[in-house]
């Protein structure tokens, strides 16, 4: 059985989030939770929340052993960017892009 959770429009950079997601790819549930809990940056906190949502979705399915689940796939796509401008010298403006992410976590049961 598979369980899936999606978080859209998260205010974290997709590039930084992919670095953290790569660390938990293919791990078991308990080990992935520990890695995310003790990684000290914002994408880890956001991924932890999506991961917990996927676990809650899995527990709602009948006959699924949540402890035997593994992280099958974590997909981090780029969402829309917030565009801002910062005043610069001589009347110019510097562009600021505040990037967002769409995060999908898929958990699967057993060895795959």
PDB file of N, CA and C in Angstrom:
ATOM      1  N   UNK A   1       0.846  -1.186   0.000  1.00  0.00           N
ATOM      2  CA  UNK A   1       0.000   0.000   0.000  1.00  0.00           C
ATOM      3  C   UNK A   1       0.886   1.242   0.000  1.00  0.00           C
ATOM      4  N   UNK A   2       0.358   2.269  -0.595  1.00  0.00           N
ATOM      5  CA  UNK A   2       1.060   3.548  -0.627  1.00  0.00           C
ATOM      6  C   UNK A   2       0.236   4.611   0.071  1.00  0.00           C
ATOM      7  N   UNK A   3       0.941   5.545   0.642  1.00  0.00           N
ATOM      8  CA  UNK A   3       0.317   6.688   1.286  1.00  0.00           C
ATOM      9  C   UNK A   3       0.985   7.946   0.752  1.00  0.00           C
ATOM     10  N   UNK A   4       0.196   8.993   0.544  1.00  0.00           N
ATOM     11  CA  UNK A   4       0.721  10.196  -0.096  1.00  0.00           C
ATOM     12  C   UNK A   4       0.227  11.433   0.646  1.00  0.00           C
ATOM     13  N   UNK A   5       1.089  12.440   0.722  1.00  0.00           N
ATOM     14  CA  UNK A   5       0.713  13.733   1.292  1.00  0.00           C
ATOM     15  C   UNK A   5       1.341  14.823   0.440  1.00  0.00           C
ATOM     16  N   UNK A   6       0.600  15.907   0.227  1.00  0.00           N
ATOM     17  CA  UNK A   6       1.063  17.015  -0.619  1.00  0.00           C
ATOM     18  C   UNK A   6       0.919  18.315   0.162  1.00  0.00           C
ATOM     19  N   UNK A   7       1.960  19.139   0.115  1.00  0.00           N
ATOM     20  CA  UNK A   7       1.914  20.487   0.689  1.00  0.00           C
ATOM     21  C   UNK A   7       2.285  21.457  -0.420  1.00  0.00           C
ATOM     22  N   UNK A   8       1.395  22.375  -0.717  1.00  0.00           N
ATOM     23  CA  UNK A   8       1.637  23.317  -1.808  1.00  0.00           C
ATOM     24  C   UNK A   8       1.891  24.714  -1.262  1.00  0.00           C
ATOM     25  N   UNK A   9       2.582  25.498  -2.043  1.00  0.00           N
ATOM     26  CA  UNK A   9       2.849  26.909  -1.765  1.00  0.00           C
ATOM     27  C   UNK A   9       3.602  27.099  -0.444  1.00  0.00           C
ATOM     28  N   UNK A  10       4.533  26.196  -0.149  1.00  0.00           N
ATOM     29  CA  UNK A  10       5.336  26.311   1.073  1.00  0.00           C
ATOM     30  C   UNK A  10       6.432  27.335   0.857  1.00  0.00           C
ATOM     31  N   UNK A  11       6.650  28.207   1.801  1.00  0.00           N
ATOM     32  CA  UNK A  11       7.562  29.339   1.657  1.00  0.00           C
ATOM     33  C   UNK A  11       8.999  28.930   1.973  1.00  0.00           C
ATOM     34  N   UNK A  12       9.496  27.923   1.243  1.00  0.00           N
ATOM     35  CA  UNK A  12      10.888  27.489   1.316  1.00  0.00           C
ATOM     36  C   UNK A  12      11.395  27.309  -0.111  1.00  0.00           C
ATOM     37  N   UNK A  13      12.666  27.549  -0.313  1.00  0.00           N
ATOM     38  CA  UNK A  13      13.260  27.422  -1.633  1.00  0.00           C
ATOM     39  C   UNK A  13      13.301  25.954  -2.056  1.00  0.00           C
ATOM     40  N   UNK A  14      12.901  25.644  -3.295  1.00  0.00           N
ATOM     41  CA  UNK A  14      12.927  24.251  -3.736  1.00  0.00           C
ATOM     42  C   UNK A  14      14.340  23.664  -3.766  1.00  0.00           C
ATOM     43  N   UNK A  15      15.317  24.483  -4.096  1.00  0.00           N
ATOM     44  CA  UNK A  15      16.692  24.004  -4.175  1.00  0.00           C
ATOM     45  C   UNK A  15      17.194  23.544  -2.810  1.00  0.00           C
ATOM     46  N   UNK A  16      16.907  24.323  -1.780  1.00  0.00           N
ATOM     47  CA  UNK A  16      17.335  23.957  -0.424  1.00  0.00           C
ATOM     48  C   UNK A  16      16.530  22.776   0.110  1.00  0.00           C
ATOM     49  N   UNK A  17      15.265  22.702  -0.276  1.00  0.00           N
ATOM     50  CA  UNK A  17      14.411  21.611   0.179  1.00  0.00           C
ATOM     51  C   UNK A  17      14.850  20.285  -0.427  1.00  0.00           C
ATOM     52  N   UNK A  18      15.269  20.298  -1.693  1.00  0.00           N
ATOM     53  CA  UNK A  18      15.738  19.068  -2.340  1.00  0.00           C
ATOM     54  C   UNK A  18      16.981  18.502  -1.657  1.00  0.00           C
ATOM     55  N   UNK A  19      17.832  19.385  -1.127  1.00  0.00           N
ATOM     56  CA  UNK A  19      19.025  18.910  -0.420  1.00  0.00           C
ATOM     57  C   UNK A  19      18.647  18.091   0.815  1.00  0.00           C
ATOM     58  N   UNK A  20      17.634  18.539   1.533  1.00  0.00           N
ATOM     59  CA  UNK A  20      17.193  17.815   2.723  1.00  0.00           C
ATOM     60  C   UNK A  20      16.426  16.554   2.322  1.00  0.00           C
ATOM     61  N   UNK A  21      15.613  16.648   1.274  1.00  0.00           N
ATOM     62  CA  UNK A  21      14.805  15.505   0.837  1.00  0.00           C
ATOM     63  C   UNK A  21      15.691  14.356   0.375  1.00  0.00           C
ATOM     64  N   UNK A  22      16.832  14.670  -0.204  1.00  0.00           N
ATOM     65  CA  UNK A  22      17.751  13.645  -0.681  1.00  0.00           C
ATOM     66  C   UNK A  22      18.299  12.813   0.485  1.00  0.00           C
ATOM     67  N   UNK A  23      18.374  13.406   1.684  1.00  0.00           N
ATOM     68  CA  UNK A  23      18.916  12.690   2.846  1.00  0.00           C
ATOM     69  C   UNK A  23      17.982  11.605   3.373  1.00  0.00           C
ATOM     70  N   UNK A  24      16.676  11.736   3.169  1.00  0.00           N
ATOM     71  CA  UNK A  24      15.729  10.774   3.735  1.00  0.00           C
ATOM     72  C   UNK A  24      15.139   9.842   2.686  1.00  0.00           C
ATOM     73  N   UNK A  25      15.532   9.981   1.446  1.00  0.00           N
ATOM     74  CA  UNK A  25      15.018   9.136   0.362  1.00  0.00           C
ATOM     75  C   UNK A  25      15.373   7.675   0.628  1.00  0.00           C
ATOM     76  N   UNK A  26      14.370   6.799   0.668  1.00  0.00           N
ATOM     77  CA  UNK A  26      14.599   5.366   0.828  1.00  0.00           C
ATOM     78  C   UNK A  26      14.769   4.886   2.257  1.00  0.00           C
ATOM     79  N   UNK A  27      14.705   5.776   3.226  1.00  0.00           N
ATOM     80  CA  UNK A  27      14.857   5.372   4.626  1.00  0.00           C
ATOM     81  C   UNK A  27      13.545   4.845   5.182  1.00  0.00           C
ATOM     82  N   UNK A  28      13.649   4.143   6.303  1.00  0.00           N
ATOM     83  CA  UNK A  28      12.460   3.708   7.013  1.00  0.00           C
ATOM     84  C   UNK A  28      11.810   4.880   7.734  1.00  0.00           C
ATOM     85  N   UNK A  29      10.603   4.650   8.228  1.00  0.00           N
ATOM     86  CA  UNK A  29       9.824   5.719   8.847  1.00  0.00           C
ATOM     87  C   UNK A  29      10.532   6.297  10.072  1.00  0.00           C
ATOM     88  N   UNK A  30      10.981   5.434  10.955  1.00  0.00           N
ATOM     89  CA  UNK A  30      11.590   5.897  12.208  1.00  0.00           C
ATOM     90  C   UNK A  30      12.888   6.663  11.956  1.00  0.00           C
ATOM     91  N   UNK A  31      13.709   6.130  11.070  1.00  0.00           N
ATOM     92  CA  UNK A  31      14.989   6.776  10.778  1.00  0.00           C
ATOM     93  C   UNK A  31      14.793   8.111  10.058  1.00  0.00           C
ATOM     94  N   UNK A  32      13.845   8.162   9.147  1.00  0.00           N
ATOM     95  CA  UNK A  32      13.562   9.411   8.422  1.00  0.00           C
ATOM     96  C   UNK A  32      13.031  10.487   9.369  1.00  0.00           C
ATOM     97  N   UNK A  33      12.191  10.096  10.332  1.00  0.00           N
ATOM     98  CA  UNK A  33      11.685  11.058  11.312  1.00  0.00           C
ATOM     99  C   UNK A  33      12.817  11.630  12.149  1.00  0.00           C
ATOM    100  N   UNK A  34      13.760  10.781  12.544  1.00  0.00           N
ATOM    101  CA  UNK A  34      14.888  11.260  13.342  1.00  0.00           C
ATOM    102  C   UNK A  34      15.782  12.196  12.542  1.00  0.00           C
ATOM    103  N   UNK A  35      16.034  11.872  11.289  1.00  0.00           N
ATOM    104  CA  UNK A  35      16.869  12.740  10.452  1.00  0.00           C
ATOM    105  C   UNK A  35      16.213  14.104  10.292  1.00  0.00           C
ATOM    106  N   UNK A  36      14.911  14.115  10.007  1.00  0.00           N
ATOM    107  CA  UNK A  36      14.221  15.395   9.802  1.00  0.00           C
ATOM    108  C   UNK A  36      14.088  16.179  11.104  1.00  0.00           C
ATOM    109  N   UNK A  37      13.863  15.486  12.208  1.00  0.00           N
ATOM    110  CA  UNK A  37      13.681  16.170  13.486  1.00  0.00           C
ATOM    111  C   UNK A  37      14.954  16.871  13.942  1.00  0.00           C
ATOM    112  N   UNK A  38      16.121  16.273  13.644  1.00  0.00           N
ATOM    113  CA  UNK A  38      17.365  16.825  14.152  1.00  0.00           C
ATOM    114  C   UNK A  38      18.182  17.561  13.099  1.00  0.00           C
ATOM    115  N   UNK A  39      17.596  17.821  11.927  1.00  0.00           N
ATOM    116  CA  UNK A  39      18.232  18.674  10.938  1.00  0.00           C
ATOM    117  C   UNK A  39      17.775  20.098  11.213  1.00  0.00           C
ATOM    118  N   UNK A  40      18.734  20.999  11.390  1.00  0.00           N
ATOM    119  CA  UNK A  40      18.409  22.337  11.880  1.00  0.00           C
ATOM    120  C   UNK A  40      18.294  23.347  10.746  1.00  0.00           C
ATOM    121  N   UNK A  41      17.277  23.195   9.907  1.00  0.00           N
ATOM    122  CA  UNK A  41      16.969  24.253   8.948  1.00  0.00           C
ATOM    123  C   UNK A  41      15.482  24.213   8.602  1.00  0.00           C
ATOM    124  N   UNK A  42      14.999  25.261   7.979  1.00  0.00           N
ATOM    125  CA  UNK A  42      13.573  25.406   7.736  1.00  0.00           C
ATOM    126  C   UNK A  42      12.992  24.326   6.823  1.00  0.00           C
ATOM    127  N   UNK A  43      13.660  23.948   5.710  1.00  0.00           N
ATOM    128  CA  UNK A  43      13.080  22.892   4.875  1.00  0.00           C
ATOM    129  C   UNK A  43      12.877  21.574   5.615  1.00  0.00           C
ATOM    130  N   UNK A  44      13.718  21.264   6.584  1.00  0.00           N
ATOM    131  CA  UNK A  44      13.557  20.032   7.350  1.00  0.00           C
ATOM    132  C   UNK A  44      12.281  20.080   8.180  1.00  0.00           C
ATOM    133  N   UNK A  45      11.966  21.230   8.752  1.00  0.00           N
ATOM    134  CA  UNK A  45      10.732  21.363   9.535  1.00  0.00           C
ATOM    135  C   UNK A  45       9.508  21.215   8.648  1.00  0.00           C
ATOM    136  N   UNK A  46       9.554  21.804   7.454  1.00  0.00           N
ATOM    137  CA  UNK A  46       8.420  21.705   6.531  1.00  0.00           C
ATOM    138  C   UNK A  46       8.255  20.266   6.054  1.00  0.00           C
ATOM    139  N   UNK A  47       9.356  19.604   5.681  1.00  0.00           N
ATOM    140  CA  UNK A  47       9.301  18.208   5.245  1.00  0.00           C
ATOM    141  C   UNK A  47       8.806  17.297   6.365  1.00  0.00           C
ATOM    142  N   UNK A  48       9.182  17.596   7.595  1.00  0.00           N
ATOM    143  CA  UNK A  48       8.724  16.795   8.729  1.00  0.00           C
ATOM    144  C   UNK A  48       7.199  16.854   8.840  1.00  0.00           C
ATOM    145  N   UNK A  49       6.633  18.036   8.656  1.00  0.00           N
ATOM    146  CA  UNK A  49       5.182  18.181   8.715  1.00  0.00           C
ATOM    147  C   UNK A  49       4.473  17.405   7.615  1.00  0.00           C
ATOM    148  N   UNK A  50       5.007  17.449   6.394  1.00  0.00           N
ATOM    149  CA  UNK A  50       4.405  16.712   5.281  1.00  0.00           C
ATOM    150  C   UNK A  50       4.566  15.212   5.516  1.00  0.00           C
ATOM    151  N   UNK A  51       5.717  14.820   6.052  1.00  0.00           N
ATOM    152  CA  UNK A  51       5.980  13.417   6.369  1.00  0.00           C
ATOM    153  C   UNK A  51       4.990  12.898   7.409  1.00  0.00           C
ATOM    154  N   UNK A  52       4.727  13.680   8.443  1.00  0.00           N
ATOM    155  CA  UNK A  52       3.768  13.278   9.468  1.00  0.00           C
ATOM    156  C   UNK A  52       2.349  13.184   8.909  1.00  0.00           C
ATOM    157  N   UNK A  53       2.031  14.058   7.962  1.00  0.00           N
ATOM    158  CA  UNK A  53       0.720  13.993   7.308  1.00  0.00           C
ATOM    159  C   UNK A  53       0.586  12.707   6.492  1.00  0.00           C
ATOM    160  N   UNK A  54       1.654  12.314   5.794  1.00  0.00           N
ATOM    161  CA  UNK A  54       1.629  11.062   5.037  1.00  0.00           C
ATOM    162  C   UNK A  54       1.475   9.863   5.970  1.00  0.00           C
ATOM    163  N   UNK A  55       2.116   9.918   7.150  1.00  0.00           N
ATOM    164  CA  UNK A  55       1.957   8.843   8.133  1.00  0.00           C
ATOM    165  C   UNK A  55       0.525   8.778   8.661  1.00  0.00           C
ATOM    166  N   UNK A  56      -0.076   9.936   8.886  1.00  0.00           N
ATOM    167  CA  UNK A  56      -1.464   9.965   9.351  1.00  0.00           C
ATOM    168  C   UNK A  56      -2.400   9.416   8.286  1.00  0.00           C
ATOM    169  N   UNK A  57      -2.117   9.728   7.026  1.00  0.00           N
ATOM    170  CA  UNK A  57      -2.917   9.177   5.932  1.00  0.00           C
ATOM    171  C   UNK A  57      -2.766   7.660   5.872  1.00  0.00           C
ATOM    172  N   UNK A  58      -1.560   7.159   6.116  1.00  0.00           N
ATOM    173  CA  UNK A  58      -1.321   5.718   6.084  1.00  0.00           C
ATOM    174  C   UNK A  58      -2.052   5.015   7.224  1.00  0.00           C
ATOM    175  N   UNK A  59      -2.111   5.657   8.378  1.00  0.00           N
ATOM    176  CA  UNK A  59      -2.782   5.019   9.513  1.00  0.00           C
ATOM    177  C   UNK A  59      -4.297   4.932   9.302  1.00  0.00           C
ATOM    178  N   UNK A  60      -4.840   5.763   8.429  1.00  0.00           N
ATOM    179  CA  UNK A  60      -6.275   5.713   8.125  1.00  0.00           C
ATOM    180  C   UNK A  60      -6.626   4.549   7.193  1.00  0.00           C
ATOM    181  N   UNK A  61      -5.634   4.046   6.443  1.00  0.00           N
ATOM    182  CA  UNK A  61      -5.865   2.902   5.575  1.00  0.00           C
ATOM    183  C   UNK A  61      -5.983   1.650   6.427  1.00  0.00           C
ATOM    184  N   UNK A  62      -6.790   0.722   5.998  1.00  0.00           N
ATOM    185  CA  UNK A  62      -6.975  -0.493   6.778  1.00  0.00           C
ATOM    186  C   UNK A  62      -5.874  -1.504   6.520  1.00  0.00           C
ATOM    187  N   UNK A  63      -5.378  -2.135   7.583  1.00  0.00           N
ATOM    188  CA  UNK A  63      -4.416  -3.219   7.458  1.00  0.00           C
ATOM    189  C   UNK A  63      -3.029  -2.805   7.017  1.00  0.00           C
ATOM    190  N   UNK A  64      -2.594  -1.599   7.357  1.00  0.00           N
ATOM    191  CA  UNK A  64      -1.267  -1.137   6.967  1.00  0.00           C
ATOM    192  C   UNK A  64      -0.399  -1.042   8.216  1.00  0.00           C
ATOM    193  N   UNK A  65       0.786  -1.641   8.150  1.00  0.00           N
ATOM    194  CA  UNK A  65       1.743  -1.555   9.249  1.00  0.00           C
ATOM    195  C   UNK A  65       2.580  -0.293   9.044  1.00  0.00           C
ATOM    196  N   UNK A  66       2.291   0.723   9.833  1.00  0.00           N
ATOM    197  CA  UNK A  66       2.941   2.027   9.666  1.00  0.00           C
ATOM    198  C   UNK A  66       4.433   1.944   9.963  1.00  0.00           C
ATOM    199  N   UNK A  67       4.820   1.084  10.901  1.00  0.00           N
ATOM    200  CA  UNK A  67       6.237   0.972  11.266  1.00  0.00           C
ATOM    201  C   UNK A  67       7.076   0.328  10.165  1.00  0.00           C
ATOM    202  N   UNK A  68       6.452  -0.442   9.289  1.00  0.00           N
ATOM    203  CA  UNK A  68       7.182  -1.126   8.219  1.00  0.00           C
ATOM    204  C   UNK A  68       7.269  -0.282   6.948  1.00  0.00           C
ATOM    205  N   UNK A  69       6.735   0.926   6.974  1.00  0.00           N
ATOM    206  CA  UNK A  69       6.726   1.759   5.765  1.00  0.00           C
ATOM    207  C   UNK A  69       8.086   2.412   5.549  1.00  0.00           C
ATOM    208  N   UNK A  70       8.362   2.698   4.277  1.00  0.00           N
ATOM    209  CA  UNK A  70       9.598   3.378   3.884  1.00  0.00           C
ATOM    210  C   UNK A  70       9.254   4.579   3.026  1.00  0.00           C
ATOM    211  N   UNK A  71      10.190   5.502   2.932  1.00  0.00           N
ATOM    212  CA  UNK A  71      10.012   6.675   2.079  1.00  0.00           C
ATOM    213  C   UNK A  71      10.285   6.230   0.649  1.00  0.00           C
ATOM    214  N   UNK A  72       9.241   6.125  -0.137  1.00  0.00           N
ATOM    215  CA  UNK A  72       9.397   5.689  -1.521  1.00  0.00           C
ATOM    216  C   UNK A  72       9.903   6.825  -2.393  1.00  0.00           C
ATOM    217  N   UNK A  73       9.288   8.006  -2.221  1.00  0.00           N
ATOM    218  CA  UNK A  73       9.647   9.123  -3.096  1.00  0.00           C
ATOM    219  C   UNK A  73       9.294  10.444  -2.418  1.00  0.00           C
ATOM    220  N   UNK A  74      10.160  11.423  -2.611  1.00  0.00           N
ATOM    221  CA  UNK A  74       9.876  12.791  -2.198  1.00  0.00           C
ATOM    222  C   UNK A  74      10.128  13.671  -3.412  1.00  0.00           C
ATOM    223  N   UNK A  75       9.083  14.358  -3.846  1.00  0.00           N
ATOM    224  CA  UNK A  75       9.186  15.224  -5.016  1.00  0.00           C
ATOM    225  C   UNK A  75       9.038  16.664  -4.552  1.00  0.00           C
ATOM    226  N   UNK A  76       9.991  17.508  -4.928  1.00  0.00           N
ATOM    227  CA  UNK A  76       9.941  18.926  -4.590  1.00  0.00           C
ATOM    228  C   UNK A  76       9.921  19.711  -5.897  1.00  0.00           C
ATOM    229  N   UNK A  77       8.768  20.272  -6.213  1.00  0.00           N
ATOM    230  CA  UNK A  77       8.618  21.079  -7.414  1.00  0.00           C
ATOM    231  C   UNK A  77       8.584  22.556  -7.047  1.00  0.00           C
ATOM    232  N   UNK A  78       8.877  23.379  -8.031  1.00  0.00           N
ATOM    233  CA  UNK A  78       8.889  24.816  -7.810  1.00  0.00           C
ATOM    234  C   UNK A  78       7.477  25.366  -7.933  1.00  0.00           C
ATOM    235  N   UNK A  79       7.084  26.184  -6.956  1.00  0.00           N
ATOM    236  CA  UNK A  79       5.804  26.866  -6.997  1.00  0.00           C
ATOM    237  C   UNK A  79       5.994  28.275  -7.535  1.00  0.00           C
ATOM    238  N   UNK A  80       4.970  29.088  -7.466  1.00  0.00           N
ATOM    239  CA  UNK A  80       5.111  30.464  -7.936  1.00  0.00           C
ATOM    240  C   UNK A  80       6.020  31.279  -7.015  1.00  0.00           C
ATOM    241  N   UNK A  81       6.714  32.229  -7.593  1.00  0.00           N
ATOM    242  CA  UNK A  81       7.617  33.084  -6.820  1.00  0.00           C
ATOM    243  C   UNK A  81       6.938  34.401  -6.508  1.00  0.00           C
ATOM    244  N   UNK A  82       7.182  34.902  -5.297  1.00  0.00           N
ATOM    245  CA  UNK A  82       6.725  36.233  -4.943  1.00  0.00           C
ATOM    246  C   UNK A  82       7.762  37.203  -5.465  1.00  0.00           C
ATOM    247  N   UNK A  83       7.316  38.217  -6.193  1.00  0.00           N
ATOM    248  CA  UNK A  83       8.256  39.173  -6.759  1.00  0.00           C
ATOM    249  C   UNK A  83       8.254  40.452  -5.940  1.00  0.00           C
ATOM    250  N   UNK A  84       9.444  40.871  -5.536  1.00  0.00           N
ATOM    251  CA  UNK A  84       9.611  42.091  -4.759  1.00  0.00           C
ATOM    252  C   UNK A  84      10.758  42.892  -5.357  1.00  0.00           C
ATOM    253  N   UNK A  85      10.814  44.176  -5.031  1.00  0.00           N
ATOM    254  CA  UNK A  85      11.895  45.024  -5.509  1.00  0.00           C
ATOM    255  C   UNK A  85      12.567  45.703  -4.335  1.00  0.00           C
ATOM    256  N   UNK A  86      13.881  45.874  -4.443  1.00  0.00           N
ATOM    257  CA  UNK A  86      14.679  46.511  -3.423  1.00  0.00           C
ATOM    258  C   UNK A  86      15.327  47.744  -4.047  1.00  0.00           C
ATOM    259  N   UNK A  87      15.175  48.917  -3.444  1.00  0.00           N
ATOM    260  CA  UNK A  87      15.800  50.110  -4.011  1.00  0.00           C
ATOM    261  C   UNK A  87      17.319  49.998  -4.018  1.00  0.00           C
ATOM    262  N   UNK A  88      17.916  50.401  -5.120  1.00  0.00           N
ATOM    263  CA  UNK A  88      19.362  50.369  -5.275  1.00  0.00           C
ATOM    264  C   UNK A  88      19.866  51.781  -5.581  1.00  0.00           C
ATOM    265  N   UNK A  89      21.138  51.908  -5.809  1.00  0.00           N
ATOM    266  CA  UNK A  89      21.748  53.219  -6.043  1.00  0.00           C
ATOM    267  C   UNK A  89      21.319  53.798  -7.383  1.00  0.00           C
ATOM    268  N   UNK A  90      21.299  55.120  -7.468  1.00  0.00           N
ATOM    269  CA  UNK A  90      21.037  55.892  -8.679  1.00  0.00           C
ATOM    270  C   UNK A  90      19.683  55.570  -9.317  1.00  0.00           C
ATOM    271  N   UNK A  91      18.668  55.355  -8.472  1.00  0.00           N
ATOM    272  CA  UNK A  91      17.313  55.176  -8.974  1.00  0.00           C
ATOM    273  C   UNK A  91      17.008  53.808  -9.543  1.00  0.00           C
ATOM    274  N   UNK A  92      17.900  52.886  -9.402  1.00  0.00           N
ATOM    275  CA  UNK A  92      17.660  51.540  -9.927  1.00  0.00           C
ATOM    276  C   UNK A  92      16.889  50.704  -8.894  1.00  0.00           C
ATOM    277  N   UNK A  93      16.443  49.520  -9.353  1.00  0.00           N
ATOM    278  CA  UNK A  93      15.739  48.598  -8.460  1.00  0.00           C
ATOM    279  C   UNK A  93      16.307  47.201  -8.651  1.00  0.00           C
ATOM    280  N   UNK A  94      16.529  46.513  -7.558  1.00  0.00           N
ATOM    281  CA  UNK A  94      17.000  45.128  -7.612  1.00  0.00           C
ATOM    282  C   UNK A  94      15.828  44.183  -7.407  1.00  0.00           C
ATOM    283  N   UNK A  95      15.769  43.142  -8.225  1.00  0.00           N
ATOM    284  CA  UNK A  95      14.667  42.190  -8.158  1.00  0.00           C
ATOM    285  C   UNK A  95      14.940  41.147  -7.076  1.00  0.00           C
ATOM    286  N   UNK A  96      13.917  40.855  -6.281  1.00  0.00           N
ATOM    287  CA  UNK A  96      13.979  39.814  -5.264  1.00  0.00           C
ATOM    288  C   UNK A  96      12.888  38.803  -5.585  1.00  0.00           C
ATOM    289  N   UNK A  97      13.253  37.520  -5.657  1.00  0.00           N
ATOM    290  CA  UNK A  97      12.279  36.456  -5.885  1.00  0.00           C
ATOM    291  C   UNK A  97      12.209  35.592  -4.626  1.00  0.00           C
ATOM    292  N   UNK A  98      11.056  35.591  -3.994  1.00  0.00           N
ATOM    293  CA  UNK A  98      10.844  34.755  -2.815  1.00  0.00           C
ATOM    294  C   UNK A  98      10.170  33.473  -3.311  1.00  0.00           C
ATOM    295  N   UNK A  99      10.951  32.410  -3.352  1.00  0.00           N
ATOM    296  CA  UNK A  99      10.497  31.185  -4.006  1.00  0.00           C
ATOM    297  C   UNK A  99       9.627  30.330  -3.087  1.00  0.00           C
ATOM    298  N   UNK A 100       8.717  29.584  -3.710  1.00  0.00           N
ATOM    299  CA  UNK A 100       7.852  28.664  -2.979  1.00  0.00           C
ATOM    300  C   UNK A 100       8.021  27.258  -3.556  1.00  0.00           C
ATOM    301  N   UNK A 101       7.564  26.272  -2.803  1.00  0.00           N
ATOM    302  CA  UNK A 101       7.732  24.872  -3.186  1.00  0.00           C
ATOM    303  C   UNK A 101       6.415  24.121  -3.080  1.00  0.00           C
ATOM    304  N   UNK A 102       6.259  23.119  -3.954  1.00  0.00           N
ATOM    305  CA  UNK A 102       5.198  22.127  -3.854  1.00  0.00           C
ATOM    306  C   UNK A 102       5.889  20.815  -3.480  1.00  0.00           C
ATOM    307  N   UNK A 103       5.540  20.255  -2.327  1.00  0.00           N
ATOM    308  CA  UNK A 103       6.223  19.079  -1.801  1.00  0.00           C
ATOM    309  C   UNK A 103       5.257  17.905  -1.758  1.00  0.00           C
ATOM    310  N   UNK A 104       5.691  16.758  -2.316  1.00  0.00           N
ATOM    311  CA  UNK A 104       4.914  15.530  -2.302  1.00  0.00           C
ATOM    312  C   UNK A 104       5.742  14.434  -1.645  1.00  0.00           C
ATOM    313  N   UNK A 105       5.177  13.780  -0.638  1.00  0.00           N
ATOM    314  CA  UNK A 105       5.838  12.660   0.049  1.00  0.00           C
ATOM    315  C   UNK A 105       4.994  11.406  -0.186  1.00  0.00           C
ATOM    316  N   UNK A 106       5.656  10.335  -0.685  1.00  0.00           N
ATOM    317  CA  UNK A 106       4.987   9.064  -0.926  1.00  0.00           C
ATOM    318  C   UNK A 106       5.678   8.006  -0.079  1.00  0.00           C
ATOM    319  N   UNK A 107       4.894   7.355   0.778  1.00  0.00           N
ATOM    320  CA  UNK A 107       5.385   6.274   1.628  1.00  0.00           C
ATOM    321  C   UNK A 107       4.840   4.951   1.088  1.00  0.00           C
ATOM    322  N   UNK A 108       5.671   3.922   1.098  1.00  0.00           N
ATOM    323  CA  UNK A 108       5.241   2.605   0.635  1.00  0.00           C
ATOM    324  C   UNK A 108       5.573   1.570   1.693  1.00  0.00           C
ATOM    325  N   UNK A 109       4.780   0.514   1.700  1.00  0.00           N
ATOM    326  CA  UNK A 109       4.952  -0.531   2.697  1.00  0.00           C
ATOM    327  C   UNK A 109       5.868  -1.621   2.158  1.00  0.00           C
ATOM    328  N   UNK A 110       6.759  -2.122   3.005  1.00  0.00           N
ATOM    329  CA  UNK A 110       7.599  -3.257   2.654  1.00  0.00           C
ATOM    330  C   UNK A 110       8.793  -2.914   1.805  1.00  0.00           C
ATOM    331  N   UNK A 111       9.461  -3.956   1.291  1.00  0.00           N
ATOM    332  CA  UNK A 111      10.665  -3.796   0.477  1.00  0.00           C
ATOM    333  C   UNK A 111      10.267  -3.572  -0.965  1.00  0.00           C
ATOM    334  N   UNK A 112      10.685  -2.429  -1.528  1.00  0.00           N
ATOM    335  CA  UNK A 112      10.389  -2.147  -2.934  1.00  0.00           C
ATOM    336  C   UNK A 112      11.613  -1.659  -3.632  1.00  0.00           C
TER     337      UNK A 112
END
